[in-house]
Every structure is written in structure tokens, then in C-alpha cells.
Amino acid sequence: MNSSKVMKKVWSFSSENWVNCAWFECRRPGFEMHKTVLHDHARTLRCDNPLSGHVNFVFCSERHKQLYLNSHKNMGKMPPGYKLTM
């Protein structure tokens, strides 16, 4: 069985340009398949509430996404299992 991944760049309509990777000092384009959504509201507030907010971050690779997500908890270290595979 042949499997392939579709790498779709993310376009910003406000700046009319491709969105760059959100990782520190990386200027490569961000891809939809490496997107993460952070909730910018209290846990008690439902996501479909008009007062709730969400922030989308896109990354150029799964490695940059994992580094970003673990940067505050583990001081930028990769989670177990990612060090040798990426």
C-alpha cells in the first residue's frame, strides 16, 4: 500500500503572503499538516462561545511543532521517542 502526505502551505489573507513557521528564527513556510490550535480562553468557557478565542500556529516540520509545544514544560527538549526519530 502506498501512502503519501499532502504538504499544503498556509496563506495569510491579512498580510497576503505565506505564513512562516512559528518556531524561533525559522523562516521556512508553515504547513497545514503541522498546525496546532491553542485555546485562548478559560477552561470553563466552551469553545463555541463568542467570547472564546483560539490561536493557530503553523510549523514547517513535526520537529519544530514538538519543540514549540514542549518549550515551556521541558525547556525546549523533545518528548521521549522524538530525539532519535526526527
PDB file of N, CA and C in Angstrom:
ATOM      1  N   MET A   1       0.839  -1.185   0.000  1.00  0.00           N
ATOM      2  CA  MET A   1       0.000   0.000   0.000  1.00  0.00           C
ATOM      3  C   MET A   1       0.880   1.243   0.000  1.00  0.00           C
ATOM      4  N   ASN A   2       0.579   2.154  -0.871  1.00  0.00           N
ATOM      5  CA  ASN A   2       1.347   3.384  -0.995  1.00  0.00           C
ATOM      6  C   ASN A   2       0.628   4.505  -0.255  1.00  0.00           C
ATOM      7  N   SER A   3       1.332   5.148   0.648  1.00  0.00           N
ATOM      8  CA  SER A   3       0.725   6.279   1.350  1.00  0.00           C
ATOM      9  C   SER A   3       1.567   7.519   1.097  1.00  0.00           C
ATOM     10  N   SER A   4       0.910   8.640   0.952  1.00  0.00           N
ATOM     11  CA  SER A   4       1.617   9.895   0.720  1.00  0.00           C
ATOM     12  C   SER A   4       0.999  10.987   1.568  1.00  0.00           C
ATOM     13  N   LYS A   5       1.781  11.998   1.840  1.00  0.00           N
ATOM     14  CA  LYS A   5       1.326  13.131   2.635  1.00  0.00           C
ATOM     15  C   LYS A   5       1.218  14.351   1.743  1.00  0.00           C
ATOM     16  N   VAL A   6       0.180  15.116   1.947  1.00  0.00           N
ATOM     17  CA  VAL A   6      -0.009  16.345   1.188  1.00  0.00           C
ATOM     18  C   VAL A   6       0.467  17.505   2.052  1.00  0.00           C
ATOM     19  N   MET A   7       1.462  18.218   1.560  1.00  0.00           N
ATOM     20  CA  MET A   7       2.012  19.361   2.288  1.00  0.00           C
ATOM     21  C   MET A   7       1.412  20.636   1.701  1.00  0.00           C
ATOM     22  N   LYS A   8       0.478  21.227   2.425  1.00  0.00           N
ATOM     23  CA  LYS A   8      -0.213  22.419   1.967  1.00  0.00           C
ATOM     24  C   LYS A   8       0.287  23.632   2.741  1.00  0.00           C
ATOM     25  N   LYS A   9       0.857  24.606   2.054  1.00  0.00           N
ATOM     26  CA  LYS A   9       1.297  25.835   2.713  1.00  0.00           C
ATOM     27  C   LYS A   9       0.078  26.621   3.194  1.00  0.00           C
ATOM     28  N   VAL A  10       0.300  27.472   4.201  1.00  0.00           N
ATOM     29  CA  VAL A  10      -0.787  28.275   4.764  1.00  0.00           C
ATOM     30  C   VAL A  10      -0.643  29.704   4.258  1.00  0.00           C
ATOM     31  N   TRP A  11      -1.725  30.239   3.703  1.00  0.00           N
ATOM     32  CA  TRP A  11      -1.763  31.595   3.159  1.00  0.00           C
ATOM     33  C   TRP A  11      -2.452  32.520   4.146  1.00  0.00           C
ATOM     34  N   SER A  12      -1.883  33.696   4.374  1.00  0.00           N
ATOM     35  CA  SER A  12      -2.495  34.698   5.243  1.00  0.00           C
ATOM     36  C   SER A  12      -3.205  35.728   4.377  1.00  0.00           C
ATOM     37  N   PHE A  13      -4.499  35.844   4.566  1.00  0.00           N
ATOM     38  CA  PHE A  13      -5.259  36.822   3.783  1.00  0.00           C
ATOM     39  C   PHE A  13      -5.029  38.246   4.279  1.00  0.00           C
ATOM     40  N   SER A  14      -4.682  38.410   5.553  1.00  0.00           N
ATOM     41  CA  SER A  14      -4.460  39.760   6.071  1.00  0.00           C
ATOM     42  C   SER A  14      -3.147  40.357   5.570  1.00  0.00           C
ATOM     43  N   SER A  15      -2.083  39.539   5.498  1.00  0.00           N
ATOM     44  CA  SER A  15      -0.802  40.059   5.020  1.00  0.00           C
ATOM     45  C   SER A  15      -0.548  39.719   3.557  1.00  0.00           C
ATOM     46  N   GLU A  16      -1.425  38.913   2.961  1.00  0.00           N
ATOM     47  CA  GLU A  16      -1.304  38.484   1.564  1.00  0.00           C
ATOM     48  C   GLU A  16       0.066  37.881   1.282  1.00  0.00           C
ATOM     49  N   ASN A  17       0.432  36.932   2.135  1.00  0.00           N
ATOM     50  CA  ASN A  17       1.718  36.264   1.992  1.00  0.00           C
ATOM     51  C   ASN A  17       1.622  34.889   2.642  1.00  0.00           C
ATOM     52  N   TRP A  18       2.605  34.013   2.372  1.00  0.00           N
ATOM     53  CA  TRP A  18       2.650  32.719   3.026  1.00  0.00           C
ATOM     54  C   TRP A  18       3.027  32.905   4.486  1.00  0.00           C
ATOM     55  N   VAL A  19       2.473  32.076   5.349  1.00  0.00           N
ATOM     56  CA  VAL A  19       2.768  32.141   6.780  1.00  0.00           C
ATOM     57  C   VAL A  19       4.034  31.344   7.054  1.00  0.00           C
ATOM     58  N   ASN A  20       4.955  31.952   7.809  1.00  0.00           N
ATOM     59  CA  ASN A  20       6.204  31.291   8.160  1.00  0.00           C
ATOM     60  C   ASN A  20       6.022  30.394   9.379  1.00  0.00           C
ATOM     61  N   CYS A  21       6.961  29.512   9.573  1.00  0.00           N
ATOM     62  CA  CYS A  21       6.993  28.618  10.726  1.00  0.00           C
ATOM     63  C   CYS A  21       7.029  29.451  12.009  1.00  0.00           C
ATOM     64  N   ALA A  22       6.299  29.008  13.032  1.00  0.00           N
ATOM     65  CA  ALA A  22       6.212  29.755  14.288  1.00  0.00           C
ATOM     66  C   ALA A  22       7.389  29.483  15.225  1.00  0.00           C
ATOM     67  N   TRP A  23       8.262  28.559  14.868  1.00  0.00           N
ATOM     68  CA  TRP A  23       9.408  28.274  15.728  1.00  0.00           C
ATOM     69  C   TRP A  23      10.428  29.400  15.639  1.00  0.00           C
ATOM     70  N   PHE A  24      11.132  29.638  16.715  1.00  0.00           N
ATOM     71  CA  PHE A  24      12.084  30.729  16.868  1.00  0.00           C
ATOM     72  C   PHE A  24      13.080  30.794  15.711  1.00  0.00           C
ATOM     73  N   GLU A  25      13.114  31.920  15.033  1.00  0.00           N
ATOM     74  CA  GLU A  25      14.045  32.244  13.947  1.00  0.00           C
ATOM     75  C   GLU A  25      13.985  31.313  12.743  1.00  0.00           C
ATOM     76  N   CYS A  26      12.920  30.570  12.577  1.00  0.00           N
ATOM     77  CA  CYS A  26      12.770  29.733  11.389  1.00  0.00           C
ATOM     78  C   CYS A  26      11.957  30.523  10.367  1.00  0.00           C
ATOM     79  N   ARG A  27      12.451  30.637   9.165  1.00  0.00           N
ATOM     80  CA  ARG A  27      11.773  31.421   8.123  1.00  0.00           C
ATOM     81  C   ARG A  27      11.221  30.547   6.997  1.00  0.00           C
ATOM     82  N   ARG A  28      11.164  29.242   7.228  1.00  0.00           N
ATOM     83  CA  ARG A  28      10.577  28.356   6.228  1.00  0.00           C
ATOM     84  C   ARG A  28       9.059  28.468   6.273  1.00  0.00           C
ATOM     85  N   PRO A  29       8.370  28.131   5.208  1.00  0.00           N
ATOM     86  CA  PRO A  29       6.906  28.226   5.206  1.00  0.00           C
ATOM     87  C   PRO A  29       6.272  27.202   6.144  1.00  0.00           C
ATOM     88  N   GLY A  30       5.166  27.592   6.764  1.00  0.00           N
ATOM     89  CA  GLY A  30       4.418  26.691   7.630  1.00  0.00           C
ATOM     90  C   GLY A  30       3.423  25.877   6.824  1.00  0.00           C
ATOM     91  N   PHE A  31       3.157  24.658   7.259  1.00  0.00           N
ATOM     92  CA  PHE A  31       2.266  23.758   6.545  1.00  0.00           C
ATOM     93  C   PHE A  31       1.051  23.403   7.395  1.00  0.00           C
ATOM     94  N   GLU A  32      -0.064  23.206   6.713  1.00  0.00           N
ATOM     95  CA  GLU A  32      -1.334  22.892   7.366  1.00  0.00           C
ATOM     96  C   GLU A  32      -1.253  21.610   8.194  1.00  0.00           C
ATOM     97  N   MET A  33      -0.491  20.630   7.740  1.00  0.00           N
ATOM     98  CA  MET A  33      -0.421  19.360   8.462  1.00  0.00           C
ATOM     99  C   MET A  33       0.352  19.456   9.774  1.00  0.00           C
ATOM    100  N   HIS A  34       1.079  20.557   9.976  1.00  0.00           N
ATOM    101  CA  HIS A  34       1.814  20.770  11.223  1.00  0.00           C
ATOM    102  C   HIS A  34       1.206  21.921  12.021  1.00  0.00           C
ATOM    103  N   LYS A  35      -0.100  22.086  11.926  1.00  0.00           N
ATOM    104  CA  LYS A  35      -0.781  23.181  12.620  1.00  0.00           C
ATOM    105  C   LYS A  35      -1.227  22.723  14.008  1.00  0.00           C
ATOM    106  N   THR A  36      -1.177  23.639  14.964  1.00  0.00           N
ATOM    107  CA  THR A  36      -1.710  23.376  16.290  1.00  0.00           C
ATOM    108  C   THR A  36      -2.571  24.565  16.705  1.00  0.00           C
ATOM    109  N   VAL A  37      -3.600  24.284  17.487  1.00  0.00           N
ATOM    110  CA  VAL A  37      -4.535  25.312  17.934  1.00  0.00           C
ATOM    111  C   VAL A  37      -4.436  25.413  19.447  1.00  0.00           C
ATOM    112  N   LEU A  38      -4.160  26.606  19.949  1.00  0.00           N
ATOM    113  CA  LEU A  38      -4.119  26.839  21.383  1.00  0.00           C
ATOM    114  C   LEU A  38      -5.364  27.609  21.797  1.00  0.00           C
ATOM    115  N   HIS A  39      -5.949  27.204  22.894  1.00  0.00           N
ATOM    116  CA  HIS A  39      -7.162  27.846  23.397  1.00  0.00           C
ATOM    117  C   HIS A  39      -6.787  29.073  24.207  1.00  0.00           C
ATOM    118  N   ASP A  40      -7.297  30.222  23.801  1.00  0.00           N
ATOM    119  CA  ASP A  40      -7.009  31.490  24.466  1.00  0.00           C
ATOM    120  C   ASP A  40      -8.228  31.921  25.284  1.00  0.00           C
ATOM    121  N   HIS A  41      -8.738  30.985  26.087  1.00  0.00           N
ATOM    122  CA  HIS A  41      -9.882  31.280  26.948  1.00  0.00           C
ATOM    123  C   HIS A  41      -9.848  30.339  28.143  1.00  0.00           C
ATOM    124  N   ALA A  42     -10.667  30.651  29.137  1.00  0.00           N
ATOM    125  CA  ALA A  42     -10.716  29.830  30.349  1.00  0.00           C
ATOM    126  C   ALA A  42     -11.280  28.445  30.041  1.00  0.00           C
ATOM    127  N   ARG A  43     -10.865  27.467  30.810  1.00  0.00           N
ATOM    128  CA  ARG A  43     -11.354  26.104  30.605  1.00  0.00           C
ATOM    129  C   ARG A  43     -12.859  25.991  30.837  1.00  0.00           C
ATOM    130  N   THR A  44     -13.393  26.866  31.662  1.00  0.00           N
ATOM    131  CA  THR A  44     -14.821  26.818  31.954  1.00  0.00           C
ATOM    132  C   THR A  44     -15.663  27.356  30.804  1.00  0.00           C
ATOM    133  N   LEU A  45     -15.052  28.062  29.882  1.00  0.00           N
ATOM    134  CA  LEU A  45     -15.756  28.644  28.730  1.00  0.00           C
ATOM    135  C   LEU A  45     -15.718  27.668  27.560  1.00  0.00           C
ATOM    136  N   ARG A  46     -16.877  27.395  26.996  1.00  0.00           N
ATOM    137  CA  ARG A  46     -16.948  26.461  25.861  1.00  0.00           C
ATOM    138  C   ARG A  46     -16.326  27.086  24.612  1.00  0.00           C
ATOM    139  N   CYS A  47     -15.824  26.244  23.727  1.00  0.00           N
ATOM    140  CA  CYS A  47     -15.161  26.724  22.516  1.00  0.00           C
ATOM    141  C   CYS A  47     -16.122  27.401  21.539  1.00  0.00           C
ATOM    142  N   ASP A  48     -17.401  27.039  21.568  1.00  0.00           N
ATOM    143  CA  ASP A  48     -18.360  27.651  20.643  1.00  0.00           C
ATOM    144  C   ASP A  48     -18.941  28.961  21.169  1.00  0.00           C
ATOM    145  N   ASN A  49     -18.482  29.398  22.342  1.00  0.00           N
ATOM    146  CA  ASN A  49     -18.920  30.676  22.906  1.00  0.00           C
ATOM    147  C   ASN A  49     -18.296  31.817  22.104  1.00  0.00           C
ATOM    148  N   PRO A  50     -19.051  32.894  21.811  1.00  0.00           N
ATOM    149  CA  PRO A  50     -18.475  34.026  21.052  1.00  0.00           C
ATOM    150  C   PRO A  50     -17.307  34.715  21.760  1.00  0.00           C
ATOM    151  N   LEU A  51     -17.210  34.565  23.081  1.00  0.00           N
ATOM    152  CA  LEU A  51     -16.121  35.192  23.829  1.00  0.00           C
ATOM    153  C   LEU A  51     -14.850  34.350  23.852  1.00  0.00           C
ATOM    154  N   SER A  52     -14.933  33.121  23.388  1.00  0.00           N
ATOM    155  CA  SER A  52     -13.748  32.265  23.396  1.00  0.00           C
ATOM    156  C   SER A  52     -12.843  32.615  22.215  1.00  0.00           C
ATOM    157  N   GLY A  53     -11.572  32.424  22.415  1.00  0.00           N
ATOM    158  CA  GLY A  53     -10.610  32.729  21.368  1.00  0.00           C
ATOM    159  C   GLY A  53      -9.645  31.579  21.167  1.00  0.00           C
ATOM    160  N   HIS A  54      -9.144  31.454  19.950  1.00  0.00           N
ATOM    161  CA  HIS A  54      -8.187  30.405  19.612  1.00  0.00           C
ATOM    162  C   HIS A  54      -7.056  31.011  18.787  1.00  0.00           C
ATOM    163  N   VAL A  55      -5.865  30.481  18.975  1.00  0.00           N
ATOM    164  CA  VAL A  55      -4.693  30.948  18.251  1.00  0.00           C
ATOM    165  C   VAL A  55      -4.136  29.767  17.457  1.00  0.00           C
ATOM    166  N   ASN A  56      -3.983  29.958  16.159  1.00  0.00           N
ATOM    167  CA  ASN A  56      -3.436  28.918  15.284  1.00  0.00           C
ATOM    168  C   ASN A  56      -1.951  29.180  15.046  1.00  0.00           C
ATOM    169  N   PHE A  57      -1.156  28.137  15.212  1.00  0.00           N
ATOM    170  CA  PHE A  57       0.266  28.203  14.914  1.00  0.00           C
ATOM    171  C   PHE A  57       0.576  27.134  13.876  1.00  0.00           C
ATOM    172  N   VAL A  58       1.352  27.488  12.863  1.00  0.00           N
ATOM    173  CA  VAL A  58       1.774  26.512  11.845  1.00  0.00           C
ATOM    174  C   VAL A  58       3.294  26.386  11.897  1.00  0.00           C
ATOM    175  N   PHE A  59       3.760  25.196  11.545  1.00  0.00           N
ATOM    176  CA  PHE A  59       5.190  24.898  11.611  1.00  0.00           C
ATOM    177  C   PHE A  59       5.628  24.244  10.318  1.00  0.00           C
ATOM    178  N   CYS A  60       6.927  24.280  10.061  1.00  0.00           N
ATOM    179  CA  CYS A  60       7.475  23.694   8.836  1.00  0.00           C
ATOM    180  C   CYS A  60       7.686  22.194   8.978  1.00  0.00           C
ATOM    181  N   SER A  61       7.766  21.703  10.208  1.00  0.00           N
ATOM    182  CA  SER A  61       8.012  20.274  10.427  1.00  0.00           C
ATOM    183  C   SER A  61       7.403  19.844  11.756  1.00  0.00           C
ATOM    184  N   GLU A  62       7.252  18.541  11.914  1.00  0.00           N
ATOM    185  CA  GLU A  62       6.750  17.993  13.180  1.00  0.00           C
ATOM    186  C   GLU A  62       7.752  18.250  14.305  1.00  0.00           C
ATOM    187  N   ARG A  63       9.027  18.265  13.975  1.00  0.00           N
ATOM    188  CA  ARG A  63      10.056  18.542  14.982  1.00  0.00           C
ATOM    189  C   ARG A  63       9.901  19.945  15.569  1.00  0.00           C
ATOM    190  N   HIS A  64       9.716  20.952  14.738  1.00  0.00           N
ATOM    191  CA  HIS A  64       9.539  22.316  15.236  1.00  0.00           C
ATOM    192  C   HIS A  64       8.250  22.446  16.032  1.00  0.00           C
ATOM    193  N   LYS A  65       7.218  21.747  15.618  1.00  0.00           N
ATOM    194  CA  LYS A  65       5.947  21.765  16.359  1.00  0.00           C
ATOM    195  C   LYS A  65       6.141  21.169  17.749  1.00  0.00           C
ATOM    196  N   GLN A  66       6.814  20.023  17.843  1.00  0.00           N
ATOM    197  CA  GLN A  66       7.035  19.387  19.139  1.00  0.00           C
ATOM    198  C   GLN A  66       7.955  20.225  20.024  1.00  0.00           C
ATOM    199  N   LEU A  67       8.973  20.840  19.444  1.00  0.00           N
ATOM    200  CA  LEU A  67       9.839  21.725  20.222  1.00  0.00           C
ATOM    201  C   LEU A  67       9.047  22.893  20.788  1.00  0.00           C
ATOM    202  N   TYR A  68       8.156  23.457  19.986  1.00  0.00           N
ATOM    203  CA  TYR A  68       7.352  24.585  20.442  1.00  0.00           C
ATOM    204  C   TYR A  68       6.404  24.168  21.566  1.00  0.00           C
ATOM    205  N   LEU A  69       5.718  23.048  21.381  1.00  0.00           N
ATOM    206  CA  LEU A  69       4.745  22.605  22.377  1.00  0.00           C
ATOM    207  C   LEU A  69       5.406  22.226  23.697  1.00  0.00           C
ATOM    208  N   ASN A  70       6.651  21.754  23.654  1.00  0.00           N
ATOM    209  CA  ASN A  70       7.353  21.344  24.866  1.00  0.00           C
ATOM    210  C   ASN A  70       8.320  22.396  25.392  1.00  0.00           C
ATOM    211  N   SER A  71       8.344  23.566  24.773  1.00  0.00           N
ATOM    212  CA  SER A  71       9.337  24.572  25.147  1.00  0.00           C
ATOM    213  C   SER A  71       9.119  25.121  26.552  1.00  0.00           C
ATOM    214  N   HIS A  72       7.895  25.192  27.012  1.00  0.00           N
ATOM    215  CA  HIS A  72       7.646  25.749  28.345  1.00  0.00           C
ATOM    216  C   HIS A  72       7.696  24.675  29.429  1.00  0.00           C
ATOM    217  N   LYS A  73       7.240  23.486  29.098  1.00  0.00           N
ATOM    218  CA  LYS A  73       7.228  22.419  30.099  1.00  0.00           C
ATOM    219  C   LYS A  73       8.613  21.843  30.339  1.00  0.00           C
ATOM    220  N   ASN A  74       9.341  21.568  29.278  1.00  0.00           N
ATOM    221  CA  ASN A  74      10.609  20.844  29.382  1.00  0.00           C
ATOM    222  C   ASN A  74      11.806  21.651  28.905  1.00  0.00           C
ATOM    223  N   MET A  75      11.684  22.944  28.857  1.00  0.00           N
ATOM    224  CA  MET A  75      12.771  23.842  28.454  1.00  0.00           C
ATOM    225  C   MET A  75      13.311  23.512  27.068  1.00  0.00           C
ATOM    226  N   GLY A  76      12.416  23.260  26.110  1.00  0.00           N
ATOM    227  CA  GLY A  76      12.811  23.066  24.730  1.00  0.00           C
ATOM    228  C   GLY A  76      13.299  21.682  24.362  1.00  0.00           C
ATOM    229  N   LYS A  77      13.204  20.734  25.268  1.00  0.00           N
ATOM    230  CA  LYS A  77      13.659  19.379  24.966  1.00  0.00           C
ATOM    231  C   LYS A  77      12.543  18.599  24.287  1.00  0.00           C
ATOM    232  N   MET A  78      12.945  17.673  23.453  1.00  0.00           N
ATOM    233  CA  MET A  78      11.967  16.851  22.747  1.00  0.00           C
ATOM    234  C   MET A  78      11.367  15.825  23.703  1.00  0.00           C
ATOM    235  N   PRO A  79      10.101  15.434  23.470  1.00  0.00           N
ATOM    236  CA  PRO A  79       9.499  14.399  24.300  1.00  0.00           C
ATOM    237  C   PRO A  79      10.142  13.046  24.015  1.00  0.00           C
ATOM    238  N   PRO A  80       9.979  12.078  24.923  1.00  0.00           N
ATOM    239  CA  PRO A  80      10.570  10.752  24.699  1.00  0.00           C
ATOM    240  C   PRO A  80      10.120  10.144  23.380  1.00  0.00           C
ATOM    241  N   GLY A  81      11.052   9.547  22.655  1.00  0.00           N
ATOM    242  CA  GLY A  81      10.732   8.914  21.381  1.00  0.00           C
ATOM    243  C   GLY A  81      10.979   9.801  20.174  1.00  0.00           C
ATOM    244  N   TYR A  82      11.133  11.102  20.356  1.00  0.00           N
ATOM    245  CA  TYR A  82      11.339  12.007  19.234  1.00  0.00           C
ATOM    246  C   TYR A  82      12.817  12.328  18.998  1.00  0.00           C
ATOM    247  N   LYS A  83      13.667  12.146  19.973  1.00  0.00           N
ATOM    248  CA  LYS A  83      15.060  12.550  19.827  1.00  0.00           C
ATOM    249  C   LYS A  83      15.770  11.823  18.702  1.00  0.00           C
ATOM    250  N   LEU A  84      15.544  10.536  18.574  1.00  0.00           N
ATOM    251  CA  LEU A  84      16.255   9.766  17.567  1.00  0.00           C
ATOM    252  C   LEU A  84      15.508   9.664  16.254  1.00  0.00           C
ATOM    253  N   THR A  85      14.213   9.917  16.254  1.00  0.00           N
ATOM    254  CA  THR A  85      13.433   9.709  15.043  1.00  0.00           C
ATOM    255  C   THR A  85      13.354  10.937  14.173  1.00  0.00           C
ATOM    256  N   MET A  86      13.636  12.093  14.678  1.00  0.00           N
ATOM    257  CA  MET A  86      13.457  13.303  13.889  1.00  0.00           C
ATOM    258  C   MET A  86      14.800  13.896  13.525  1.00  0.00           C
TER     259      MET A  86
END
